[in-house]
Amino acid sequence: MDEVARTRDRSTGVSPRSEFRLQAVSSDPPKGGTPNKGRVRAISISRQKGIPKTNVPQAELQVDHGIPGDAHAGSGLRQVSLLAGESIDSLRAEGVEIAPGDFAENITTEGVDMSTLKVGNRLKVGAEVELELTQLGKTCHGRCKIFERLGDCIMPRQGVFARVASSGRIQVGDAIEVIHD
């Protein structure tokens, strides 16, 4: 079920030959979801990069910008980051004290099989927001505070990045659906 995705991070110039492995954490769809439908488990923001984010109940997402006030907002290709809640659950099962936002993801998902996503896929989040996937995984250029605290960071292997294609407000519990694949 693992998929190797090739992508280029234009903001850092990582070679298009770089490979990132997204790991499927479960082949069983979670309660109330299918592999391409799920929900928002958590929304998290931070004014600084490389540190855990703070959970918030809702957020406004702006076209070609991201979440105002978040360190990753801007005109780049990684305006919003997503991570499967099931990945966090796997670490918790191993005894790691971890919570949504601890890997600096903006949206923690539940029910979407992140390992099946491809660059260019679009996700509908809530009633209005549409995200276009721009990058699968990332290259870490150093040991951030997250790595220092946990001894690992799964965002390079399992994180998904997107640009905001349609603005709107999202909240915890909102539906997520892959609308273009």
C-alpha atoms as a PDB file:
ATOM      1  CA  MET A   1       0.000   0.000   0.000  1.00  0.00           C
ATOM      2  CA  ASP A   2       3.053   2.288   0.276  1.00  0.00           C
ATOM      3  CA  GLU A   3       3.551   4.616  -2.650  1.00  0.00           C
ATOM      4  CA  VAL A   4       6.695   6.393  -3.718  1.00  0.00           C
ATOM      5  CA  ALA A   5       5.916   9.885  -4.932  1.00  0.00           C
ATOM      6  CA  ARG A   6       8.224  12.132  -6.888  1.00  0.00           C
ATOM      7  CA  THR A   7       7.882  15.861  -6.524  1.00  0.00           C
ATOM      8  CA  ARG A   8       9.920  19.034  -6.678  1.00  0.00           C
ATOM      9  CA  ASP A   9       9.965  21.663  -3.961  1.00  0.00           C
ATOM     10  CA  ARG A  10      10.434  24.874  -5.932  1.00  0.00           C
ATOM     11  CA  SER A  11      11.040  26.912  -2.803  1.00  0.00           C
ATOM     12  CA  THR A  12      14.145  24.900  -1.876  1.00  0.00           C
ATOM     13  CA  GLY A  13      15.167  23.593  -5.288  1.00  0.00           C
ATOM     14  CA  VAL A  14      15.118  19.930  -4.253  1.00  0.00           C
ATOM     15  CA  SER A  15      15.725  17.782  -7.315  1.00  0.00           C
ATOM     16  CA  PRO A  16      12.696  16.265  -9.024  1.00  0.00           C
ATOM     17  CA  ARG A  17      14.545  12.943  -8.653  1.00  0.00           C
ATOM     18  CA  SER A  18      14.279  13.112  -4.862  1.00  0.00           C
ATOM     19  CA  GLU A  19      11.995  10.420  -3.538  1.00  0.00           C
ATOM     20  CA  PHE A  20       9.712  10.629  -0.554  1.00  0.00           C
ATOM     21  CA  ARG A  21       8.001   7.580   0.852  1.00  0.00           C
ATOM     22  CA  LEU A  22       4.520   8.029   2.225  1.00  0.00           C
ATOM     23  CA  GLN A  23       3.651   5.219   4.557  1.00  0.00           C
ATOM     24  CA  ALA A  24       0.179   3.840   4.869  1.00  0.00           C
ATOM     25  CA  VAL A  25      -0.560   3.264   8.522  1.00  0.00           C
ATOM     26  CA  SER A  26      -3.705   1.242   8.085  1.00  0.00           C
ATOM     27  CA  SER A  27      -5.463  -0.405   5.184  1.00  0.00           C
ATOM     28  CA  ASP A  28      -8.777  -0.340   7.023  1.00  0.00           C
ATOM     29  CA  PRO A  29     -10.934   2.750   6.560  1.00  0.00           C
ATOM     30  CA  PRO A  30     -11.553   4.421   9.931  1.00  0.00           C
ATOM     31  CA  LYS A  31     -14.980   4.793  11.457  1.00  0.00           C
ATOM     32  CA  GLY A  32     -17.227   6.833   9.181  1.00  0.00           C
ATOM     33  CA  GLY A  33     -14.662   7.182   6.398  1.00  0.00           C
ATOM     34  CA  THR A  34     -13.442   5.679   3.151  1.00  0.00           C
ATOM     35  CA  PRO A  35      -9.905   5.962   1.757  1.00  0.00           C
ATOM     36  CA  ASN A  36     -10.755   9.211  -0.049  1.00  0.00           C
ATOM     37  CA  LYS A  37     -13.191  10.717   2.465  1.00  0.00           C
ATOM     38  CA  GLY A  38     -12.600  11.686   6.047  1.00  0.00           C
ATOM     39  CA  ARG A  39     -12.697  14.594   8.453  1.00  0.00           C
ATOM     40  CA  VAL A  40     -10.597  17.286  10.090  1.00  0.00           C
ATOM     41  CA  ARG A  41      -9.340  15.936  13.426  1.00  0.00           C
ATOM     42  CA  ALA A  42      -7.423  19.101  14.379  1.00  0.00           C
ATOM     43  CA  ILE A  43      -6.367  22.517  13.053  1.00  0.00           C
ATOM     44  CA  SER A  44      -3.074  23.950  14.265  1.00  0.00           C
ATOM     45  CA  ILE A  45      -1.140  27.188  13.773  1.00  0.00           C
ATOM     46  CA  SER A  46       2.149  28.752  14.873  1.00  0.00           C
ATOM     47  CA  ARG A  47       3.907  32.032  14.163  1.00  0.00           C
ATOM     48  CA  GLN A  48       7.302  30.241  14.056  1.00  0.00           C
ATOM     49  CA  LYS A  49       8.589  27.451  11.801  1.00  0.00           C
ATOM     50  CA  GLY A  50      10.033  24.217  13.157  1.00  0.00           C
ATOM     51  CA  ILE A  51       8.065  24.107  16.389  1.00  0.00           C
ATOM     52  CA  PRO A  52       4.838  22.357  17.399  1.00  0.00           C
ATOM     53  CA  LYS A  53       1.697  24.272  16.519  1.00  0.00           C
ATOM     54  CA  THR A  54      -1.182  25.265  18.795  1.00  0.00           C
ATOM     55  CA  ASN A  55      -4.593  23.692  18.191  1.00  0.00           C
ATOM     56  CA  VAL A  56      -7.447  26.014  17.297  1.00  0.00           C
ATOM     57  CA  PRO A  57     -11.123  25.139  16.759  1.00  0.00           C
ATOM     58  CA  GLN A  58     -11.346  26.824  13.347  1.00  0.00           C
ATOM     59  CA  ALA A  59      -9.304  28.761  10.798  1.00  0.00           C
ATOM     60  CA  GLU A  60      -9.771  30.986   7.786  1.00  0.00           C
ATOM     61  CA  LEU A  61      -7.830  29.861   4.705  1.00  0.00           C
ATOM     62  CA  GLN A  62      -7.023  32.414   2.001  1.00  0.00           C
ATOM     63  CA  VAL A  63      -6.434  31.666  -1.689  1.00  0.00           C
ATOM     64  CA  ASP A  64      -2.749  31.461  -2.607  1.00  0.00           C
ATOM     65  CA  HIS A  65      -1.766  32.364   0.958  1.00  0.00           C
ATOM     66  CA  GLY A  66      -2.758  29.779   3.579  1.00  0.00           C
ATOM     67  CA  ILE A  67      -3.781  30.511   7.160  1.00  0.00           C
ATOM     68  CA  PRO A  68      -3.175  34.168   8.112  1.00  0.00           C
ATOM     69  CA  GLY A  69      -0.786  34.375  11.050  1.00  0.00           C
ATOM     70  CA  ASP A  70       0.745  30.946  10.452  1.00  0.00           C
ATOM     71  CA  ALA A  71       4.499  30.798   9.799  1.00  0.00           C
ATOM     72  CA  HIS A  72       4.038  28.858   6.539  1.00  0.00           C
ATOM     73  CA  ALA A  73       1.454  31.202   5.038  1.00  0.00           C
ATOM     74  CA  GLY A  74       2.568  33.022   1.918  1.00  0.00           C
ATOM     75  CA  SER A  75       2.751  32.711  -1.822  1.00  0.00           C
ATOM     76  CA  GLY A  76       4.775  29.460  -1.907  1.00  0.00           C
ATOM     77  CA  LEU A  77       3.682  25.930  -2.684  1.00  0.00           C
ATOM     78  CA  ARG A  78       3.588  24.796   0.962  1.00  0.00           C
ATOM     79  CA  GLN A  79       0.891  27.138   2.282  1.00  0.00           C
ATOM     80  CA  VAL A  80      -0.867  24.411   4.290  1.00  0.00           C
ATOM     81  CA  SER A  81       0.460  21.119   5.635  1.00  0.00           C
ATOM     82  CA  LEU A  82      -1.547  17.989   6.378  1.00  0.00           C
ATOM     83  CA  LEU A  83      -0.757  14.846   8.344  1.00  0.00           C
ATOM     84  CA  ALA A  84      -2.882  11.749   8.934  1.00  0.00           C
ATOM     85  CA  GLY A  85      -4.136  11.424  12.491  1.00  0.00           C
ATOM     86  CA  GLU A  86      -3.615   7.694  12.088  1.00  0.00           C
ATOM     87  CA  SER A  87       0.148   8.378  11.916  1.00  0.00           C
ATOM     88  CA  ILE A  88      -0.058  10.116  15.287  1.00  0.00           C
ATOM     89  CA  ASP A  89      -2.129   7.198  16.645  1.00  0.00           C
ATOM     90  CA  SER A  90       0.593   4.728  15.562  1.00  0.00           C
ATOM     91  CA  LEU A  91       3.207   6.669  17.515  1.00  0.00           C
ATOM     92  CA  ARG A  92       0.931   6.868  20.551  1.00  0.00           C
ATOM     93  CA  ALA A  93       0.506   3.084  20.411  1.00  0.00           C
ATOM     94  CA  GLU A  94       4.315   2.836  20.698  1.00  0.00           C
ATOM     95  CA  GLY A  95       4.206   4.970  23.858  1.00  0.00           C
ATOM     96  CA  VAL A  96       5.199   8.326  22.336  1.00  0.00           C
ATOM     97  CA  GLU A  97       3.438  11.295  23.940  1.00  0.00           C
ATOM     98  CA  ILE A  98       2.288  13.182  20.866  1.00  0.00           C
ATOM     99  CA  ALA A  99      -0.717  15.268  19.901  1.00  0.00           C
ATOM    100  CA  PRO A 100      -2.093  16.883  16.745  1.00  0.00           C
ATOM    101  CA  GLY A 101       0.042  19.865  15.763  1.00  0.00           C
ATOM    102  CA  ASP A 102       3.212  18.467  17.366  1.00  0.00           C
ATOM    103  CA  PHE A 103       4.720  17.804  13.924  1.00  0.00           C
ATOM    104  CA  ALA A 104       3.845  21.382  12.879  1.00  0.00           C
ATOM    105  CA  GLU A 105       1.043  20.265  10.572  1.00  0.00           C
ATOM    106  CA  ASN A 106      -1.820  22.686   9.994  1.00  0.00           C
ATOM    107  CA  ILE A 107      -4.523  20.091   9.418  1.00  0.00           C
ATOM    108  CA  THR A 108      -4.584  16.698  11.097  1.00  0.00           C
ATOM    109  CA  THR A 109      -6.834  14.439   9.053  1.00  0.00           C
ATOM    110  CA  GLU A 110      -8.772  11.318   9.872  1.00  0.00           C
ATOM    111  CA  GLY A 111     -10.011   8.796   7.332  1.00  0.00           C
ATOM    112  CA  VAL A 112      -8.167   9.994   4.229  1.00  0.00           C
ATOM    113  CA  ASP A 113      -5.603   7.458   3.017  1.00  0.00           C
ATOM    114  CA  MET A 114      -2.717   9.887   2.541  1.00  0.00           C
ATOM    115  CA  SER A 115      -0.567   7.204   0.871  1.00  0.00           C
ATOM    116  CA  THR A 116      -2.868   7.239  -2.191  1.00  0.00           C
ATOM    117  CA  LEU A 117      -2.630  10.988  -2.814  1.00  0.00           C
ATOM    118  CA  LYS A 118      -0.662  12.506  -5.686  1.00  0.00           C
ATOM    119  CA  VAL A 119       0.609  15.979  -6.492  1.00  0.00           C
ATOM    120  CA  GLY A 120      -2.247  17.783  -8.264  1.00  0.00           C
ATOM    121  CA  ASN A 121      -5.037  16.051  -6.319  1.00  0.00           C
ATOM    122  CA  ARG A 122      -7.597  18.428  -4.861  1.00  0.00           C
ATOM    123  CA  LEU A 123      -9.199  18.143  -1.457  1.00  0.00           C
ATOM    124  CA  LYS A 124     -12.492  19.737  -0.481  1.00  0.00           C
ATOM    125  CA  VAL A 125     -12.366  20.704   3.197  1.00  0.00           C
ATOM    126  CA  GLY A 126     -15.593  21.832   4.818  1.00  0.00           C
ATOM    127  CA  ALA A 127     -18.151  23.668   2.695  1.00  0.00           C
ATOM    128  CA  GLU A 128     -15.852  26.121   0.901  1.00  0.00           C
ATOM    129  CA  VAL A 129     -12.127  25.379   1.047  1.00  0.00           C
ATOM    130  CA  GLU A 130     -10.347  23.601  -1.765  1.00  0.00           C
ATOM    131  CA  LEU A 131      -6.688  22.607  -1.478  1.00  0.00           C
ATOM    132  CA  GLU A 132      -4.426  21.547  -4.345  1.00  0.00           C
ATOM    133  CA  LEU A 133      -1.678  19.130  -3.319  1.00  0.00           C
ATOM    134  CA  THR A 134       1.720  20.505  -4.307  1.00  0.00           C
ATOM    135  CA  GLN A 135       4.202  18.283  -2.495  1.00  0.00           C
ATOM    136  CA  LEU A 136       4.391  14.880  -0.815  1.00  0.00           C
ATOM    137  CA  GLY A 137       6.981  14.712   1.931  1.00  0.00           C
ATOM    138  CA  LYS A 138       9.808  17.191   2.341  1.00  0.00           C
ATOM    139  CA  THR A 139      13.510  17.496   2.896  1.00  0.00           C
ATOM    140  CA  CYS A 140      14.584  18.490   6.383  1.00  0.00           C
ATOM    141  CA  HIS A 141      17.625  20.746   6.391  1.00  0.00           C
ATOM    142  CA  GLY A 142      18.447  20.335  10.055  1.00  0.00           C
ATOM    143  CA  ARG A 143      17.214  19.003  13.332  1.00  0.00           C
ATOM    144  CA  CYS A 144      14.257  21.139  14.359  1.00  0.00           C
ATOM    145  CA  LYS A 145      12.796  21.398  17.858  1.00  0.00           C
ATOM    146  CA  ILE A 146      10.292  18.683  16.946  1.00  0.00           C
ATOM    147  CA  PHE A 147      13.097  16.219  16.131  1.00  0.00           C
ATOM    148  CA  GLU A 148      14.992  17.249  19.266  1.00  0.00           C
ATOM    149  CA  ARG A 149      11.935  16.550  21.424  1.00  0.00           C
ATOM    150  CA  LEU A 150      10.784  13.288  19.814  1.00  0.00           C
ATOM    151  CA  GLY A 151      13.917  11.876  18.180  1.00  0.00           C
ATOM    152  CA  ASP A 152      12.095  11.676  14.852  1.00  0.00           C
ATOM    153  CA  CYS A 153       9.895  13.757  12.585  1.00  0.00           C
ATOM    154  CA  ILE A 154       7.404  12.003  10.324  1.00  0.00           C
ATOM    155  CA  MET A 155       6.524  15.066   8.232  1.00  0.00           C
ATOM    156  CA  PRO A 156       9.369  14.389   5.753  1.00  0.00           C
ATOM    157  CA  ARG A 157       7.947  10.911   5.108  1.00  0.00           C
ATOM    158  CA  GLN A 158       4.221  11.331   5.670  1.00  0.00           C
ATOM    159  CA  GLY A 159       3.395  15.024   5.429  1.00  0.00           C
ATOM    160  CA  VAL A 160       1.415  16.417   2.528  1.00  0.00           C
ATOM    161  CA  PHE A 161       1.578  20.047   1.436  1.00  0.00           C
ATOM    162  CA  ALA A 162      -0.930  22.150  -0.464  1.00  0.00           C
ATOM    163  CA  ARG A 163      -1.791  25.567  -1.773  1.00  0.00           C
ATOM    164  CA  VAL A 164      -5.202  27.076  -1.087  1.00  0.00           C
ATOM    165  CA  ALA A 165      -7.243  27.059  -4.321  1.00  0.00           C
ATOM    166  CA  SER A 166     -10.536  28.290  -2.770  1.00  0.00           C
ATOM    167  CA  SER A 167     -10.849  30.417   0.362  1.00  0.00           C
ATOM    168  CA  GLY A 168     -13.106  29.761   3.311  1.00  0.00           C
ATOM    169  CA  ARG A 169     -13.384  28.796   6.940  1.00  0.00           C
ATOM    170  CA  ILE A 170     -12.768  25.290   8.228  1.00  0.00           C
ATOM    171  CA  GLN A 171     -13.397  23.811  11.655  1.00  0.00           C
ATOM    172  CA  VAL A 172     -12.597  20.651  13.540  1.00  0.00           C
ATOM    173  CA  GLY A 173     -14.973  17.900  12.416  1.00  0.00           C
ATOM    174  CA  ASP A 174     -15.422  19.250   8.876  1.00  0.00           C
ATOM    175  CA  ALA A 175     -15.548  16.711   6.059  1.00  0.00           C
ATOM    176  CA  ILE A 176     -12.527  16.181   3.795  1.00  0.00           C
ATOM    177  CA  GLU A 177     -12.962  14.634   0.377  1.00  0.00           C
ATOM    178  CA  VAL A 178     -10.600  13.973  -2.514  1.00  0.00           C
ATOM    179  CA  ILE A 179     -12.508  15.647  -5.358  1.00  0.00           C
ATOM    180  CA  HIS A 180     -10.002  15.384  -8.230  1.00  0.00           C
ATOM    181  CA  ASP A 181      -7.606  12.549  -8.738  1.00  0.00           C
END
